[in-house]
Amino acid sequence: MPLASSSEITRIVATLKRQLKLQGLTYRDVAVALDLSEPSVKRLFASEGFTLDRLLEICSLLGFTLAEIAQEAQEGQRQLRTLTPAQEGELVSDARLLLVAVCALNHWALPDMLGAYQLDQAECLRHLLRLDRLGLITLLPGNRIRLNVARDFDWLSHGPIRRYFREQGMPQFIDGGFDGDGDSLDFAHGMLTESARAKLQHELRQLRARFAQLHQESLAAPLAQRRGRGLLLALREWEPAAFAALRR
């Protein structure tokens, strides 16, 4: 008995491919995680001949359940997943517009923004209308905000938003100290095989997915009970410059 219609399977496979790209994963990464050869993984995606177990494994690798992927495949067609570089550039060109965008993406209502930041209603509405034109939101009667982004919405990997936070936000984040209640900063260094690296990256992706899930669950609580938290996940080949200078 087929898992779903051929058109549904095609949408699910397309959603899986899109998620792989968004998370920076290759068919090689999938092959390592599933203990398959890379050509076998390519054939699976090309033929769309997935068994249920294989679909579940790939969904798990991406940090989704199969039901969530199926829902994204069904509903995500009508929602934004990324902006264009020009649109992201428009956001970072105006700090107040970017602030309103981040608040809206975190499900803040207009009164929340006005109460927390030095914005008047006319200015805030002007920024919300710009976000409406960009397609990020729909500004509804009563100044209510409806988000138009998919669950997997993300900023472009090398786009203006990530560059802005890498150049300005990240130094502030690292230099701000981690001595408050609930703060933590840990660092580990070791030498890993390629297989071990792939496994570790899989676990980091699962942690990011769990962070996103907890964020969604927290949206049900009043704004006063929620606090902005930054989670930085980083993994790269690295050697201190002082060590590298001593290499032969």
Foldseek 3Di string as FASTA:
>chain_A
DDPDDPVLLLLLLVLLVVLCVLLVHDLCLLCLQVVHDSVVSVVCSVVSPDDPVSLQSSCLLQQHGSVLSSVCSVPVVQFDQEADLVLLVVLVVDVVLVVLLVCVVLVHAQVRDVVPDVDDSVRSVVSVVVCVVSVQWPQDPVRGTGGRHGLNRDYDPPGDVVVCCVVPVVVCVVPVDQPDVPGDDDDDDDDDDPSVVSVVSSVVSNVVSVVSVVSVVCSVDDPVVDDDDDDDDDDDDDDPPVVVVPDD
